[in-house]
Amino acid sequence: MLHYTLVFLVVALLAGAFGFFGLAGLAASIAKILFVLFLILFVVSLITGRKRL
C-alpha cells in the first residue's frame, strides 16, 4: 500500500508540472490521505510491537 502512496505522489508532481490542476489536486489529496493512514498504522505497529518483552 505504501507503493500506491508513492505512485499518487509522482502522479501529483507530474500533473502539477504539466499544469493539470484538477488531476493534481485529486492525486495530491489521495496521497495526503494515504500518508496519514500509513502514519497511523506505523504508530499503531510501534505501540503493539512494544508490548513484547
PDB file of N, CA and C in Angstrom:
ATOM      1  N   MET A   1       0.821  -1.199   0.000  1.00  0.00           N
ATOM      2  CA  MET A   1       0.000   0.000   0.000  1.00  0.00           C
ATOM      3  C   MET A   1       0.858   1.253   0.000  1.00  0.00           C
ATOM      4  N   LEU A   2       2.029   1.159   0.553  1.00  0.00           N
ATOM      5  CA  LEU A   2       2.935   2.300   0.507  1.00  0.00           C
ATOM      6  C   LEU A   2       3.310   2.609  -0.937  1.00  0.00           C
ATOM      7  N   HIS A   3       3.323   1.591  -1.763  1.00  0.00           N
ATOM      8  CA  HIS A   3       3.599   1.771  -3.190  1.00  0.00           C
ATOM      9  C   HIS A   3       2.572   2.707  -3.818  1.00  0.00           C
ATOM     10  N   TYR A   4       1.295   2.561  -3.463  1.00  0.00           N
ATOM     11  CA  TYR A   4       0.245   3.424  -4.006  1.00  0.00           C
ATOM     12  C   TYR A   4       0.458   4.876  -3.600  1.00  0.00           C
ATOM     13  N   THR A   5       0.934   5.095  -2.388  1.00  0.00           N
ATOM     14  CA  THR A   5       1.202   6.453  -1.936  1.00  0.00           C
ATOM     15  C   THR A   5       2.267   7.099  -2.801  1.00  0.00           C
ATOM     16  N   LEU A   6       3.325   6.350  -3.070  1.00  0.00           N
ATOM     17  CA  LEU A   6       4.389   6.888  -3.907  1.00  0.00           C
ATOM     18  C   LEU A   6       3.921   7.112  -5.342  1.00  0.00           C
ATOM     19  N   VAL A   7       3.086   6.223  -5.854  1.00  0.00           N
ATOM     20  CA  VAL A   7       2.560   6.387  -7.211  1.00  0.00           C
ATOM     21  C   VAL A   7       1.703   7.648  -7.298  1.00  0.00           C
ATOM     22  N   PHE A   8       0.814   7.851  -6.327  1.00  0.00           N
ATOM     23  CA  PHE A   8      -0.022   9.043  -6.347  1.00  0.00           C
ATOM     24  C   PHE A   8       0.805  10.310  -6.151  1.00  0.00           C
ATOM     25  N   LEU A   9       1.878  10.226  -5.382  1.00  0.00           N
ATOM     26  CA  LEU A   9       2.755  11.375  -5.206  1.00  0.00           C
ATOM     27  C   LEU A   9       3.425  11.742  -6.526  1.00  0.00           C
ATOM     28  N   VAL A  10       3.916  10.751  -7.247  1.00  0.00           N
ATOM     29  CA  VAL A  10       4.551  11.002  -8.538  1.00  0.00           C
ATOM     30  C   VAL A  10       3.540  11.559  -9.535  1.00  0.00           C
ATOM     31  N   VAL A  11       2.332  10.994  -9.546  1.00  0.00           N
ATOM     32  CA  VAL A  11       1.289  11.497 -10.441  1.00  0.00           C
ATOM     33  C   VAL A  11       0.956  12.943 -10.101  1.00  0.00           C
ATOM     34  N   ALA A  12       0.886  13.258  -8.832  1.00  0.00           N
ATOM     35  CA  ALA A  12       0.584  14.629  -8.421  1.00  0.00           C
ATOM     36  C   ALA A  12       1.680  15.590  -8.843  1.00  0.00           C
ATOM     37  N   LEU A  13       2.932  15.181  -8.693  1.00  0.00           N
ATOM     38  CA  LEU A  13       4.038  16.053  -9.098  1.00  0.00           C
ATOM     39  C   LEU A  13       4.075  16.259 -10.606  1.00  0.00           C
ATOM     40  N   LEU A  14       3.858  15.188 -11.364  1.00  0.00           N
ATOM     41  CA  LEU A  14       3.852  15.309 -12.823  1.00  0.00           C
ATOM     42  C   LEU A  14       2.677  16.152 -13.309  1.00  0.00           C
ATOM     43  N   ALA A  15       1.513  15.929 -12.726  1.00  0.00           N
ATOM     44  CA  ALA A  15       0.340  16.693 -13.132  1.00  0.00           C
ATOM     45  C   ALA A  15       0.508  18.170 -12.783  1.00  0.00           C
ATOM     46  N   GLY A  16       1.099  18.449 -11.662  1.00  0.00           N
ATOM     47  CA  GLY A  16       1.361  19.836 -11.288  1.00  0.00           C
ATOM     48  C   GLY A  16       2.367  20.491 -12.216  1.00  0.00           C
ATOM     49  N   ALA A  17       3.378  19.728 -12.637  1.00  0.00           N
ATOM     50  CA  ALA A  17       4.382  20.265 -13.548  1.00  0.00           C
ATOM     51  C   ALA A  17       3.790  20.578 -14.911  1.00  0.00           C
ATOM     52  N   PHE A  18       2.847  19.779 -15.364  1.00  0.00           N
ATOM     53  CA  PHE A  18       2.248  19.993 -16.676  1.00  0.00           C
ATOM     54  C   PHE A  18       1.022  20.905 -16.631  1.00  0.00           C
ATOM     55  N   GLY A  19       0.588  21.281 -15.431  1.00  0.00           N
ATOM     56  CA  GLY A  19      -0.492  22.245 -15.331  1.00  0.00           C
ATOM     57  C   GLY A  19      -1.893  21.652 -15.308  1.00  0.00           C
ATOM     58  N   PHE A  20      -2.025  20.373 -15.071  1.00  0.00           N
ATOM     59  CA  PHE A  20      -3.351  19.768 -14.974  1.00  0.00           C
ATOM     60  C   PHE A  20      -3.819  19.893 -13.537  1.00  0.00           C
ATOM     61  N   PHE A  21      -4.360  21.048 -13.203  1.00  0.00           N
ATOM     62  CA  PHE A  21      -4.642  21.340 -11.801  1.00  0.00           C
ATOM     63  C   PHE A  21      -5.731  20.463 -11.219  1.00  0.00           C
ATOM     64  N   GLY A  22      -6.735  20.065 -11.982  1.00  0.00           N
ATOM     65  CA  GLY A  22      -7.785  19.196 -11.462  1.00  0.00           C
ATOM     66  C   GLY A  22      -7.240  17.838 -11.075  1.00  0.00           C
ATOM     67  N   LEU A  23      -6.425  17.256 -11.944  1.00  0.00           N
ATOM     68  CA  LEU A  23      -5.822  15.958 -11.661  1.00  0.00           C
ATOM     69  C   LEU A  23      -4.797  16.062 -10.546  1.00  0.00           C
ATOM     70  N   ALA A  24      -4.053  17.159 -10.529  1.00  0.00           N
ATOM     71  CA  ALA A  24      -3.033  17.338  -9.493  1.00  0.00           C
ATOM     72  C   ALA A  24      -3.677  17.440  -8.112  1.00  0.00           C
ATOM     73  N   GLY A  25      -4.771  18.165  -8.029  1.00  0.00           N
ATOM     74  CA  GLY A  25      -5.442  18.303  -6.738  1.00  0.00           C
ATOM     75  C   GLY A  25      -5.996  16.983  -6.242  1.00  0.00           C
ATOM     76  N   LEU A  26      -6.567  16.214  -7.151  1.00  0.00           N
ATOM     77  CA  LEU A  26      -7.119  14.914  -6.775  1.00  0.00           C
ATOM     78  C   LEU A  26      -6.016  13.965  -6.327  1.00  0.00           C
ATOM     79  N   ALA A  27      -4.946  13.869  -7.098  1.00  0.00           N
ATOM     80  CA  ALA A  27      -3.855  12.961  -6.749  1.00  0.00           C
ATOM     81  C   ALA A  27      -3.166  13.387  -5.458  1.00  0.00           C
ATOM     82  N   ALA A  28      -3.000  14.678  -5.260  1.00  0.00           N
ATOM     83  CA  ALA A  28      -2.367  15.160  -4.035  1.00  0.00           C
ATOM     84  C   ALA A  28      -3.235  14.873  -2.820  1.00  0.00           C
ATOM     85  N   SER A  29      -4.542  15.015  -2.954  1.00  0.00           N
ATOM     86  CA  SER A  29      -5.414  14.741  -1.811  1.00  0.00           C
ATOM     87  C   SER A  29      -5.423  13.253  -1.483  1.00  0.00           C
ATOM     88  N   ILE A  30      -5.394  12.399  -2.500  1.00  0.00           N
ATOM     89  CA  ILE A  30      -5.319  10.957  -2.252  1.00  0.00           C
ATOM     90  C   ILE A  30      -3.995  10.617  -1.587  1.00  0.00           C
ATOM     91  N   ALA A  31      -2.905  11.231  -2.045  1.00  0.00           N
ATOM     92  CA  ALA A  31      -1.591  10.975  -1.444  1.00  0.00           C
ATOM     93  C   ALA A  31      -1.554  11.431   0.012  1.00  0.00           C
ATOM     94  N   LYS A  32      -2.186  12.557   0.313  1.00  0.00           N
ATOM     95  CA  LYS A  32      -2.228  13.031   1.696  1.00  0.00           C
ATOM     96  C   LYS A  32      -3.006  12.070   2.589  1.00  0.00           C
ATOM     97  N   ILE A  33      -4.144  11.596   2.093  1.00  0.00           N
ATOM     98  CA  ILE A  33      -4.965  10.666   2.870  1.00  0.00           C
ATOM     99  C   ILE A  33      -4.209   9.370   3.133  1.00  0.00           C
ATOM    100  N   LEU A  34      -3.558   8.837   2.098  1.00  0.00           N
ATOM    101  CA  LEU A  34      -2.793   7.601   2.273  1.00  0.00           C
ATOM    102  C   LEU A  34      -1.608   7.806   3.200  1.00  0.00           C
ATOM    103  N   PHE A  35      -0.962   8.971   3.133  1.00  0.00           N
ATOM    104  CA  PHE A  35       0.157   9.254   4.024  1.00  0.00           C
ATOM    105  C   PHE A  35      -0.292   9.244   5.478  1.00  0.00           C
ATOM    106  N   VAL A  36      -1.403   9.895   5.761  1.00  0.00           N
ATOM    107  CA  VAL A  36      -1.920   9.931   7.139  1.00  0.00           C
ATOM    108  C   VAL A  36      -2.313   8.526   7.588  1.00  0.00           C
ATOM    109  N   LEU A  37      -2.936   7.764   6.699  1.00  0.00           N
ATOM    110  CA  LEU A  37      -3.336   6.401   7.041  1.00  0.00           C
ATOM    111  C   LEU A  37      -2.123   5.543   7.391  1.00  0.00           C
ATOM    112  N   PHE A  38      -1.074   5.614   6.573  1.00  0.00           N
ATOM    113  CA  PHE A  38       0.113   4.811   6.844  1.00  0.00           C
ATOM    114  C   PHE A  38       0.873   5.315   8.068  1.00  0.00           C
ATOM    115  N   LEU A  39       0.811   6.599   8.328  1.00  0.00           N
ATOM    116  CA  LEU A  39       1.437   7.127   9.536  1.00  0.00           C
ATOM    117  C   LEU A  39       0.737   6.586  10.777  1.00  0.00           C
ATOM    118  N   ILE A  40      -0.589   6.541  10.753  1.00  0.00           N
ATOM    119  CA  ILE A  40      -1.353   5.990  11.873  1.00  0.00           C
ATOM    120  C   ILE A  40      -1.042   4.500  12.041  1.00  0.00           C
ATOM    121  N   LEU A  41      -1.008   3.756  10.935  1.00  0.00           N
ATOM    122  CA  LEU A  41      -0.692   2.328  11.014  1.00  0.00           C
ATOM    123  C   LEU A  41       0.726   2.101  11.539  1.00  0.00           C
ATOM    124  N   PHE A  42       1.659   2.960  11.184  1.00  0.00           N
ATOM    125  CA  PHE A  42       3.028   2.856  11.679  1.00  0.00           C
ATOM    126  C   PHE A  42       3.086   3.059  13.187  1.00  0.00           C
ATOM    127  N   VAL A  43       2.378   4.069  13.678  1.00  0.00           N
ATOM    128  CA  VAL A  43       2.372   4.331  15.121  1.00  0.00           C
ATOM    129  C   VAL A  43       1.713   3.181  15.869  1.00  0.00           C
ATOM    130  N   VAL A  44       0.620   2.646  15.328  1.00  0.00           N
ATOM    131  CA  VAL A  44      -0.050   1.513  15.965  1.00  0.00           C
ATOM    132  C   VAL A  44       0.866   0.296  15.994  1.00  0.00           C
ATOM    133  N   SER A  45       1.599   0.056  14.916  1.00  0.00           N
ATOM    134  CA  SER A  45       2.513  -1.090  14.899  1.00  0.00           C
ATOM    135  C   SER A  45       3.665  -0.895  15.878  1.00  0.00           C
ATOM    136  N   LEU A  46       4.112   0.330  16.060  1.00  0.00           N
ATOM    137  CA  LEU A  46       5.156   0.586  17.056  1.00  0.00           C
ATOM    138  C   LEU A  46       4.644   0.316  18.468  1.00  0.00           C
ATOM    139  N   ILE A  47       3.415   0.740  18.747  1.00  0.00           N
ATOM    140  CA  ILE A  47       2.844   0.554  20.079  1.00  0.00           C
ATOM    141  C   ILE A  47       2.606  -0.929  20.355  1.00  0.00           C
ATOM    142  N   THR A  48       2.031  -1.656  19.390  1.00  0.00           N
ATOM    143  CA  THR A  48       1.751  -3.071  19.620  1.00  0.00           C
ATOM    144  C   THR A  48       3.038  -3.895  19.622  1.00  0.00           C
ATOM    145  N   GLY A  49       4.056  -3.456  18.935  1.00  0.00           N
ATOM    146  CA  GLY A  49       5.324  -4.171  18.923  1.00  0.00           C
ATOM    147  C   GLY A  49       6.070  -4.028  20.239  1.00  0.00           C
ATOM    148  N   ARG A  50       5.822  -2.948  20.967  1.00  0.00           N
ATOM    149  CA  ARG A  50       6.499  -2.705  22.242  1.00  0.00           C
ATOM    150  C   ARG A  50       5.961  -3.606  23.366  1.00  0.00           C
ATOM    151  N   LYS A  51       4.792  -4.189  23.187  1.00  0.00           N
ATOM    152  CA  LYS A  51       4.204  -4.991  24.252  1.00  0.00           C
ATOM    153  C   LYS A  51       4.992  -6.263  24.525  1.00  0.00           C
ATOM    154  N   ARG A  52       5.678  -6.767  23.508  1.00  0.00           N
ATOM    155  CA  ARG A  52       6.507  -7.959  23.721  1.00  0.00           C
ATOM    156  C   ARG A  52       7.784  -7.572  24.447  1.00  0.00           C
ATOM    157  N   LEU A  53       8.096  -8.288  25.509  1.00  0.00           N
ATOM    158  CA  LEU A  53       9.332  -8.009  26.256  1.00  0.00           C
ATOM    159  C   LEU A  53      10.212  -9.218  26.310  1.00  0.00           C
TER     160      LEU A  53
END
